[in-house]
mmCIF file of all heavy atoms, coordinates in Angstrom:
data_MODEL
# 
_entry.id   MODEL 
# 
loop_
_atom_site.group_PDB 
_atom_site.id 
_atom_site.type_symbol 
_atom_site.label_atom_id 
_atom_site.label_alt_id 
_atom_site.label_comp_id 
_atom_site.label_asym_id 
_atom_site.label_entity_id 
_atom_site.label_seq_id 
_atom_site.pdbx_PDB_ins_code 
_atom_site.Cartn_x 
_atom_site.Cartn_y 
_atom_site.Cartn_z 
_atom_site.occupancy 
_atom_site.B_iso_or_equiv 
_atom_site.pdbx_formal_charge 
_atom_site.auth_seq_id 
_atom_site.auth_comp_id 
_atom_site.auth_asym_id 
_atom_site.auth_atom_id 
_atom_site.pdbx_PDB_model_num 
ATOM 1   N N   . GLY A 1 1  ? 0.814  -1.214 0.000   1.00 0.00 ? 1  GLY A N   1 
ATOM 2   C CA  . GLY A 1 1  ? 0.000  0.000  0.000   1.00 0.00 ? 1  GLY A CA  1 
ATOM 3   C C   . GLY A 1 1  ? 0.844  1.258  0.000   1.00 0.00 ? 1  GLY A C   1 
ATOM 4   O O   . GLY A 1 1  ? 0.598  2.203  -0.773  1.00 0.00 ? 1  GLY A O   1 
ATOM 5   N N   . ALA A 1 2  ? 1.853  1.298  0.870   1.00 0.00 ? 2  ALA A N   1 
ATOM 6   C CA  . ALA A 1 2  ? 2.747  2.458  0.928   1.00 0.00 ? 2  ALA A CA  1 
ATOM 7   C C   . ALA A 1 2  ? 3.549  2.585  -0.356  1.00 0.00 ? 2  ALA A C   1 
ATOM 8   O O   . ALA A 1 2  ? 3.825  3.703  -0.829  1.00 0.00 ? 2  ALA A O   1 
ATOM 9   C CB  . ALA A 1 2  ? 3.681  2.334  2.131   1.00 0.00 ? 2  ALA A CB  1 
ATOM 10  N N   . ALA A 1 3  ? 3.911  1.448  -0.952  1.00 0.00 ? 3  ALA A N   1 
ATOM 11  C CA  . ALA A 1 3  ? 4.663  1.472  -2.205  1.00 0.00 ? 3  ALA A CA  1 
ATOM 12  C C   . ALA A 1 3  ? 3.821  2.079  -3.326  1.00 0.00 ? 3  ALA A C   1 
ATOM 13  O O   . ALA A 1 3  ? 4.335  2.833  -4.167  1.00 0.00 ? 3  ALA A O   1 
ATOM 14  C CB  . ALA A 1 3  ? 5.097  0.055  -2.583  1.00 0.00 ? 3  ALA A CB  1 
ATOM 15  N N   . ILE A 1 4  ? 2.526  1.781  -3.347  1.00 0.00 ? 4  ILE A N   1 
ATOM 16  C CA  . ILE A 1 4  ? 1.632  2.370  -4.346  1.00 0.00 ? 4  ILE A CA  1 
ATOM 17  C C   . ILE A 1 4  ? 1.557  3.881  -4.160  1.00 0.00 ? 4  ILE A C   1 
ATOM 18  O O   . ILE A 1 4  ? 1.622  4.650  -5.134  1.00 0.00 ? 4  ILE A O   1 
ATOM 19  C CB  . ILE A 1 4  ? 0.228  1.738  -4.249  1.00 0.00 ? 4  ILE A CB  1 
ATOM 20  C CG1 . ILE A 1 4  ? 0.269  0.273  -4.697  1.00 0.00 ? 4  ILE A CG1 1 
ATOM 21  C CG2 . ILE A 1 4  ? -0.778 2.520  -5.094  1.00 0.00 ? 4  ILE A CG2 1 
ATOM 22  C CD1 . ILE A 1 4  ? -1.037 -0.474 -4.458  1.00 0.00 ? 4  ILE A CD1 1 
ATOM 23  N N   . VAL A 1 5  ? 1.417  4.325  -2.924  1.00 0.00 ? 5  VAL A N   1 
ATOM 24  C CA  . VAL A 1 5  ? 1.332  5.758  -2.643  1.00 0.00 ? 5  VAL A CA  1 
ATOM 25  C C   . VAL A 1 5  ? 2.608  6.479  -3.066  1.00 0.00 ? 5  VAL A C   1 
ATOM 26  O O   . VAL A 1 5  ? 2.561  7.518  -3.749  1.00 0.00 ? 5  VAL A O   1 
ATOM 27  C CB  . VAL A 1 5  ? 1.063  5.997  -1.141  1.00 0.00 ? 5  VAL A CB  1 
ATOM 28  C CG1 . VAL A 1 5  ? 1.202  7.478  -0.796  1.00 0.00 ? 5  VAL A CG1 1 
ATOM 29  C CG2 . VAL A 1 5  ? -0.335 5.508  -0.773  1.00 0.00 ? 5  VAL A CG2 1 
ATOM 30  N N   . LEU A 1 6  ? 3.756  5.933  -2.682  1.00 0.00 ? 6  LEU A N   1 
ATOM 31  C CA  . LEU A 1 6  ? 5.030  6.592  -2.975  1.00 0.00 ? 6  LEU A CA  1 
ATOM 32  C C   . LEU A 1 6  ? 5.331  6.596  -4.465  1.00 0.00 ? 6  LEU A C   1 
ATOM 33  O O   . LEU A 1 6  ? 5.710  7.633  -5.030  1.00 0.00 ? 6  LEU A O   1 
ATOM 34  C CB  . LEU A 1 6  ? 6.150  5.892  -2.204  1.00 0.00 ? 6  LEU A CB  1 
ATOM 35  C CG  . LEU A 1 6  ? 7.545  6.531  -2.297  1.00 0.00 ? 6  LEU A CG  1 
ATOM 36  C CD1 . LEU A 1 6  ? 7.514  7.984  -1.841  1.00 0.00 ? 6  LEU A CD1 1 
ATOM 37  C CD2 . LEU A 1 6  ? 8.545  5.740  -1.466  1.00 0.00 ? 6  LEU A CD2 1 
ATOM 38  N N   . SER A 1 7  ? 5.162  5.465  -5.127  1.00 0.00 ? 7  SER A N   1 
ATOM 39  C CA  . SER A 1 7  ? 5.446  5.417  -6.562  1.00 0.00 ? 7  SER A CA  1 
ATOM 40  C C   . SER A 1 7  ? 4.473  6.297  -7.330  1.00 0.00 ? 7  SER A C   1 
ATOM 41  O O   . SER A 1 7  ? 4.854  6.957  -8.304  1.00 0.00 ? 7  SER A O   1 
ATOM 42  C CB  . SER A 1 7  ? 5.375  3.975  -7.067  1.00 0.00 ? 7  SER A CB  1 
ATOM 43  O OG  . SER A 1 7  ? 4.101  3.410  -6.826  1.00 0.00 ? 7  SER A OG  1 
ATOM 44  N N   . GLY A 1 8  ? 3.217  6.339  -6.896  1.00 0.00 ? 8  GLY A N   1 
ATOM 45  C CA  . GLY A 1 8  ? 2.232  7.200  -7.548  1.00 0.00 ? 8  GLY A CA  1 
ATOM 46  C C   . GLY A 1 8  ? 2.575  8.675  -7.396  1.00 0.00 ? 8  GLY A C   1 
ATOM 47  O O   . GLY A 1 8  ? 2.411  9.454  -8.344  1.00 0.00 ? 8  GLY A O   1 
ATOM 48  N N   . ALA A 1 9  ? 3.060  9.056  -6.218  1.00 0.00 ? 9  ALA A N   1 
ATOM 49  C CA  . ALA A 1 9  ? 3.427  10.460 -5.988  1.00 0.00 ? 9  ALA A CA  1 
ATOM 50  C C   . ALA A 1 9  ? 4.608  10.865 -6.865  1.00 0.00 ? 9  ALA A C   1 
ATOM 51  O O   . ALA A 1 9  ? 4.602  11.946 -7.476  1.00 0.00 ? 9  ALA A O   1 
ATOM 52  C CB  . ALA A 1 9  ? 3.762  10.670 -4.512  1.00 0.00 ? 9  ALA A CB  1 
ATOM 53  N N   . VAL A 1 10 ? 5.615  10.017 -6.939  1.00 0.00 ? 10 VAL A N   1 
ATOM 54  C CA  . VAL A 1 10 ? 6.790  10.325 -7.766  1.00 0.00 ? 10 VAL A CA  1 
ATOM 55  C C   . VAL A 1 10 ? 6.401  10.376 -9.235  1.00 0.00 ? 10 VAL A C   1 
ATOM 56  O O   . VAL A 1 10 ? 6.827  11.265 -9.982  1.00 0.00 ? 10 VAL A O   1 
ATOM 57  C CB  . VAL A 1 10 ? 7.911  9.293  -7.525  1.00 0.00 ? 10 VAL A CB  1 
ATOM 58  C CG1 . VAL A 1 10 ? 9.062  9.507  -8.503  1.00 0.00 ? 10 VAL A CG1 1 
ATOM 59  C CG2 . VAL A 1 10 ? 8.418  9.386  -6.087  1.00 0.00 ? 10 VAL A CG2 1 
ATOM 60  N N   . ALA A 1 11 ? 5.572  9.424  -9.662  1.00 0.00 ? 11 ALA A N   1 
ATOM 61  C CA  . ALA A 1 11 ? 5.135  9.410  -11.059 1.00 0.00 ? 11 ALA A CA  1 
ATOM 62  C C   . ALA A 1 11 ? 4.332  10.659 -11.394 1.00 0.00 ? 11 ALA A C   1 
ATOM 63  O O   . ALA A 1 11 ? 4.518  11.267 -12.457 1.00 0.00 ? 11 ALA A O   1 
ATOM 64  C CB  . ALA A 1 11 ? 4.309  8.154  -11.339 1.00 0.00 ? 11 ALA A CB  1 
ATOM 65  N N   . SER A 1 12 ? 3.435  11.062 -10.498 1.00 0.00 ? 12 SER A N   1 
ATOM 66  C CA  . SER A 1 12 ? 2.612  12.253 -10.749 1.00 0.00 ? 12 SER A CA  1 
ATOM 67  C C   . SER A 1 12 ? 3.468  13.508 -10.889 1.00 0.00 ? 12 SER A C   1 
ATOM 68  O O   . SER A 1 12 ? 3.238  14.330 -11.792 1.00 0.00 ? 12 SER A O   1 
ATOM 69  C CB  . SER A 1 12 ? 1.600  12.440 -9.609  1.00 0.00 ? 12 SER A CB  1 
ATOM 70  O OG  . SER A 1 12 ? 0.677  11.370 -9.567  1.00 0.00 ? 12 SER A OG  1 
ATOM 71  N N   . MET A 1 13 ? 4.448  13.665 -9.990  1.00 0.00 ? 13 MET A N   1 
ATOM 72  C CA  . MET A 1 13 ? 5.349  14.819 -10.090 1.00 0.00 ? 13 MET A CA  1 
ATOM 73  C C   . MET A 1 13 ? 6.112  14.803 -11.406 1.00 0.00 ? 13 MET A C   1 
ATOM 74  O O   . MET A 1 13 ? 6.248  15.833 -12.084 1.00 0.00 ? 13 MET A O   1 
ATOM 75  C CB  . MET A 1 13 ? 6.361  14.798 -8.939  1.00 0.00 ? 13 MET A CB  1 
ATOM 76  C CG  . MET A 1 13 ? 5.832  15.223 -7.609  1.00 0.00 ? 13 MET A CG  1 
ATOM 77  S SD  . MET A 1 13 ? 7.193  15.455 -6.440  1.00 0.00 ? 13 MET A SD  1 
ATOM 78  C CE  . MET A 1 13 ? 8.137  13.959 -6.634  1.00 0.00 ? 13 MET A CE  1 
ATOM 79  N N   . THR A 1 14 ? 6.614  13.639 -11.748 1.00 0.00 ? 14 THR A N   1 
ATOM 80  C CA  . THR A 1 14 ? 7.417  13.519 -12.968 1.00 0.00 ? 14 THR A CA  1 
ATOM 81  C C   . THR A 1 14 ? 6.584  13.843 -14.205 1.00 0.00 ? 14 THR A C   1 
ATOM 82  O O   . THR A 1 14 ? 7.033  14.575 -15.098 1.00 0.00 ? 14 THR A O   1 
ATOM 83  C CB  . THR A 1 14 ? 7.977  12.091 -13.081 1.00 0.00 ? 14 THR A CB  1 
ATOM 84  O OG1 . THR A 1 14 ? 8.735  11.791 -11.906 1.00 0.00 ? 14 THR A OG1 1 
ATOM 85  C CG2 . THR A 1 14 ? 8.859  11.954 -14.305 1.00 0.00 ? 14 THR A CG2 1 
ATOM 86  N N   . ILE A 1 15 ? 5.383  13.317 -14.261 1.00 0.00 ? 15 ILE A N   1 
ATOM 87  C CA  . ILE A 1 15 ? 4.510  13.567 -15.415 1.00 0.00 ? 15 ILE A CA  1 
ATOM 88  C C   . ILE A 1 15 ? 4.184  15.051 -15.524 1.00 0.00 ? 15 ILE A C   1 
ATOM 89  O O   . ILE A 1 15 ? 4.215  15.621 -16.622 1.00 0.00 ? 15 ILE A O   1 
ATOM 90  C CB  . ILE A 1 15 ? 3.225  12.725 -15.289 1.00 0.00 ? 15 ILE A CB  1 
ATOM 91  C CG1 . ILE A 1 15 ? 3.553  11.227 -15.423 1.00 0.00 ? 15 ILE A CG1 1 
ATOM 92  C CG2 . ILE A 1 15 ? 2.203  13.138 -16.348 1.00 0.00 ? 15 ILE A CG2 1 
ATOM 93  C CD1 . ILE A 1 15 ? 2.432  10.319 -14.945 1.00 0.00 ? 15 ILE A CD1 1 
ATOM 94  N N   . ALA A 1 16 ? 3.880  15.693 -14.391 1.00 0.00 ? 16 ALA A N   1 
ATOM 95  C CA  . ALA A 1 16 ? 3.542  17.117 -14.415 1.00 0.00 ? 16 ALA A CA  1 
ATOM 96  C C   . ALA A 1 16 ? 4.726  17.967 -14.882 1.00 0.00 ? 16 ALA A C   1 
ATOM 97  O O   . ALA A 1 16 ? 4.577  18.876 -15.703 1.00 0.00 ? 16 ALA A O   1 
ATOM 98  C CB  . ALA A 1 16 ? 3.086  17.566 -13.029 1.00 0.00 ? 16 ALA A CB  1 
ATOM 99  N N   . MET A 1 17 ? 5.911  17.677 -14.367 1.00 0.00 ? 17 MET A N   1 
ATOM 100 C CA  . MET A 1 17 ? 7.100  18.427 -14.776 1.00 0.00 ? 17 MET A CA  1 
ATOM 101 C C   . MET A 1 17 ? 7.396  18.217 -16.259 1.00 0.00 ? 17 MET A C   1 
ATOM 102 O O   . MET A 1 17 ? 7.765  19.154 -16.980 1.00 0.00 ? 17 MET A O   1 
ATOM 103 C CB  . MET A 1 17 ? 8.312  18.000 -13.942 1.00 0.00 ? 17 MET A CB  1 
ATOM 104 C CG  . MET A 1 17 ? 8.275  18.426 -12.502 1.00 0.00 ? 17 MET A CG  1 
ATOM 105 S SD  . MET A 1 17 ? 9.796  17.916 -11.645 1.00 0.00 ? 17 MET A SD  1 
ATOM 106 C CE  . MET A 1 17 ? 9.317  18.217 -9.938  1.00 0.00 ? 17 MET A CE  1 
ATOM 107 N N   . THR A 1 18 ? 7.243  16.981 -16.700 1.00 0.00 ? 18 THR A N   1 
ATOM 108 C CA  . THR A 1 18 ? 7.545  16.674 -18.099 1.00 0.00 ? 18 THR A CA  1 
ATOM 109 C C   . THR A 1 18 ? 6.523  17.315 -19.024 1.00 0.00 ? 18 THR A C   1 
ATOM 110 O O   . THR A 1 18 ? 6.866  17.771 -20.124 1.00 0.00 ? 18 THR A O   1 
ATOM 111 C CB  . THR A 1 18 ? 7.591  15.156 -18.319 1.00 0.00 ? 18 THR A CB  1 
ATOM 112 O OG1 . THR A 1 18 ? 8.428  14.556 -17.325 1.00 0.00 ? 18 THR A OG1 1 
ATOM 113 C CG2 . THR A 1 18 ? 8.150  14.823 -19.691 1.00 0.00 ? 18 THR A CG2 1 
ATOM 114 N N   . ALA A 1 19 ? 5.268  17.375 -18.596 1.00 0.00 ? 19 ALA A N   1 
ATOM 115 C CA  . ALA A 1 19 ? 4.242  18.063 -19.386 1.00 0.00 ? 19 ALA A CA  1 
ATOM 116 C C   . ALA A 1 19 ? 4.592  19.537 -19.537 1.00 0.00 ? 19 ALA A C   1 
ATOM 117 O O   . ALA A 1 19 ? 4.414  20.119 -20.621 1.00 0.00 ? 19 ALA A O   1 
ATOM 118 C CB  . ALA A 1 19 ? 2.878  17.900 -18.727 1.00 0.00 ? 19 ALA A CB  1 
ATOM 119 N N   . SER A 1 20 ? 5.107  20.151 -18.471 1.00 0.00 ? 20 SER A N   1 
ATOM 120 C CA  . SER A 1 20 ? 5.527  21.546 -18.546 1.00 0.00 ? 20 SER A CA  1 
ATOM 121 C C   . SER A 1 20 ? 6.682  21.721 -19.527 1.00 0.00 ? 20 SER A C   1 
ATOM 122 O O   . SER A 1 20 ? 6.709  22.667 -20.327 1.00 0.00 ? 20 SER A O   1 
ATOM 123 C CB  . SER A 1 20 ? 5.942  22.033 -17.154 1.00 0.00 ? 20 SER A CB  1 
ATOM 124 O OG  . SER A 1 20 ? 6.449  23.352 -17.202 1.00 0.00 ? 20 SER A OG  1 
ATOM 125 N N   . GLU A 1 21 ? 7.642  20.794 -19.478 1.00 0.00 ? 21 GLU A N   1 
ATOM 126 C CA  . GLU A 1 21 ? 8.754  20.827 -20.431 1.00 0.00 ? 21 GLU A CA  1 
ATOM 127 C C   . GLU A 1 21 ? 8.254  20.700 -21.869 1.00 0.00 ? 21 GLU A C   1 
ATOM 128 O O   . GLU A 1 21 ? 8.704  21.412 -22.779 1.00 0.00 ? 21 GLU A O   1 
ATOM 129 C CB  . GLU A 1 21 ? 9.718  19.675 -20.152 1.00 0.00 ? 21 GLU A CB  1 
ATOM 130 C CG  . GLU A 1 21 ? 10.599 19.845 -18.943 1.00 0.00 ? 21 GLU A CG  1 
ATOM 131 C CD  . GLU A 1 21 ? 11.634 18.735 -18.877 1.00 0.00 ? 21 GLU A CD  1 
ATOM 132 O OE1 . GLU A 1 21 ? 12.686 18.853 -19.532 1.00 0.00 ? 21 GLU A OE1 1 
ATOM 133 O OE2 . GLU A 1 21 ? 11.375 17.728 -18.182 1.00 0.00 ? 21 GLU A OE2 1 
ATOM 134 N N   . GLU A 1 22 ? 7.316  19.793 -22.058 1.00 0.00 ? 22 GLU A N   1 
ATOM 135 C CA  . GLU A 1 22 ? 6.786  19.557 -23.394 1.00 0.00 ? 22 GLU A CA  1 
ATOM 136 C C   . GLU A 1 22 ? 6.052  20.796 -23.912 1.00 0.00 ? 22 GLU A C   1 
ATOM 137 O O   . GLU A 1 22 ? 6.173  21.155 -25.089 1.00 0.00 ? 22 GLU A O   1 
ATOM 138 C CB  . GLU A 1 22 ? 5.844  18.356 -23.355 1.00 0.00 ? 22 GLU A CB  1 
ATOM 139 C CG  . GLU A 1 22 ? 5.403  17.874 -24.715 1.00 0.00 ? 22 GLU A CG  1 
ATOM 140 C CD  . GLU A 1 22 ? 4.558  16.617 -24.619 1.00 0.00 ? 22 GLU A CD  1 
ATOM 141 O OE1 . GLU A 1 22 ? 5.141  15.555 -24.319 1.00 0.00 ? 22 GLU A OE1 1 
ATOM 142 O OE2 . GLU A 1 22 ? 3.336  16.706 -24.824 1.00 0.00 ? 22 GLU A OE2 1 
ATOM 143 N N   . ASN A 1 23 ? 5.300  21.458 -23.037 1.00 0.00 ? 23 ASN A N   1 
ATOM 144 C CA  . ASN A 1 23 ? 4.594  22.675 -23.439 1.00 0.00 ? 23 ASN A CA  1 
ATOM 145 C C   . ASN A 1 23 ? 5.571  23.776 -23.817 1.00 0.00 ? 23 ASN A C   1 
ATOM 146 O O   . ASN A 1 23 ? 5.345  24.522 -24.785 1.00 0.00 ? 23 ASN A O   1 
ATOM 147 C CB  . ASN A 1 23 ? 3.679  23.143 -22.307 1.00 0.00 ? 23 ASN A CB  1 
ATOM 148 C CG  . ASN A 1 23 ? 2.497  22.221 -22.094 1.00 0.00 ? 23 ASN A CG  1 
ATOM 149 O OD1 . ASN A 1 23 ? 2.099  21.496 -23.003 1.00 0.00 ? 23 ASN A OD1 1 
ATOM 150 N ND2 . ASN A 1 23 ? 1.931  22.236 -20.900 1.00 0.00 ? 23 ASN A ND2 1 
ATOM 151 N N   . SER A 1 24 ? 6.654  23.887 -23.054 1.00 0.00 ? 24 SER A N   1 
ATOM 152 C CA  . SER A 1 24 ? 7.672  24.896 -23.375 1.00 0.00 ? 24 SER A CA  1 
ATOM 153 C C   . SER A 1 24 ? 8.326  24.599 -24.719 1.00 0.00 ? 24 SER A C   1 
ATOM 154 O O   . SER A 1 24 ? 8.561  25.506 -25.522 1.00 0.00 ? 24 SER A O   1 
ATOM 155 C CB  . SER A 1 24 ? 8.738  24.936 -22.272 1.00 0.00 ? 24 SER A CB  1 
ATOM 156 O OG  . SER A 1 24 ? 8.187  25.361 -21.047 1.00 0.00 ? 24 SER A OG  1 
ATOM 157 N N   . ALA A 1 25 ? 8.617  23.323 -24.969 1.00 0.00 ? 25 ALA A N   1 
ATOM 158 C CA  . ALA A 1 25 ? 9.229  22.936 -26.240 1.00 0.00 ? 25 ALA A CA  1 
ATOM 159 C C   . ALA A 1 25 ? 8.289  23.210 -27.403 1.00 0.00 ? 25 ALA A C   1 
ATOM 160 O O   . ALA A 1 25 ? 8.712  23.658 -28.474 1.00 0.00 ? 25 ALA A O   1 
ATOM 161 C CB  . ALA A 1 25 ? 9.605  21.455 -26.202 1.00 0.00 ? 25 ALA A CB  1 
ATOM 162 N N   . ALA A 1 26 ? 6.976  22.978 -27.188 1.00 0.00 ? 26 ALA A N   1 
ATOM 163 C CA  . ALA A 1 26 ? 5.992  23.238 -28.241 1.00 0.00 ? 26 ALA A CA  1 
ATOM 164 C C   . ALA A 1 26 ? 5.899  24.736 -28.524 1.00 0.00 ? 26 ALA A C   1 
ATOM 165 O O   . ALA A 1 26 ? 5.789  25.154 -29.687 1.00 0.00 ? 26 ALA A O   1 
ATOM 166 C CB  . ALA A 1 26 ? 4.633  22.688 -27.827 1.00 0.00 ? 26 ALA A CB  1 
# 
C-alpha cells in the first residue's frame, strides 16, 4: 500500500514536470 502511494506520488510529479517541459518545447 505504501509502495503504491510513494510510486504514484513520484510518477505524478514527474509527469507534471515533463508536461511543462513539453509545453515549453511546443
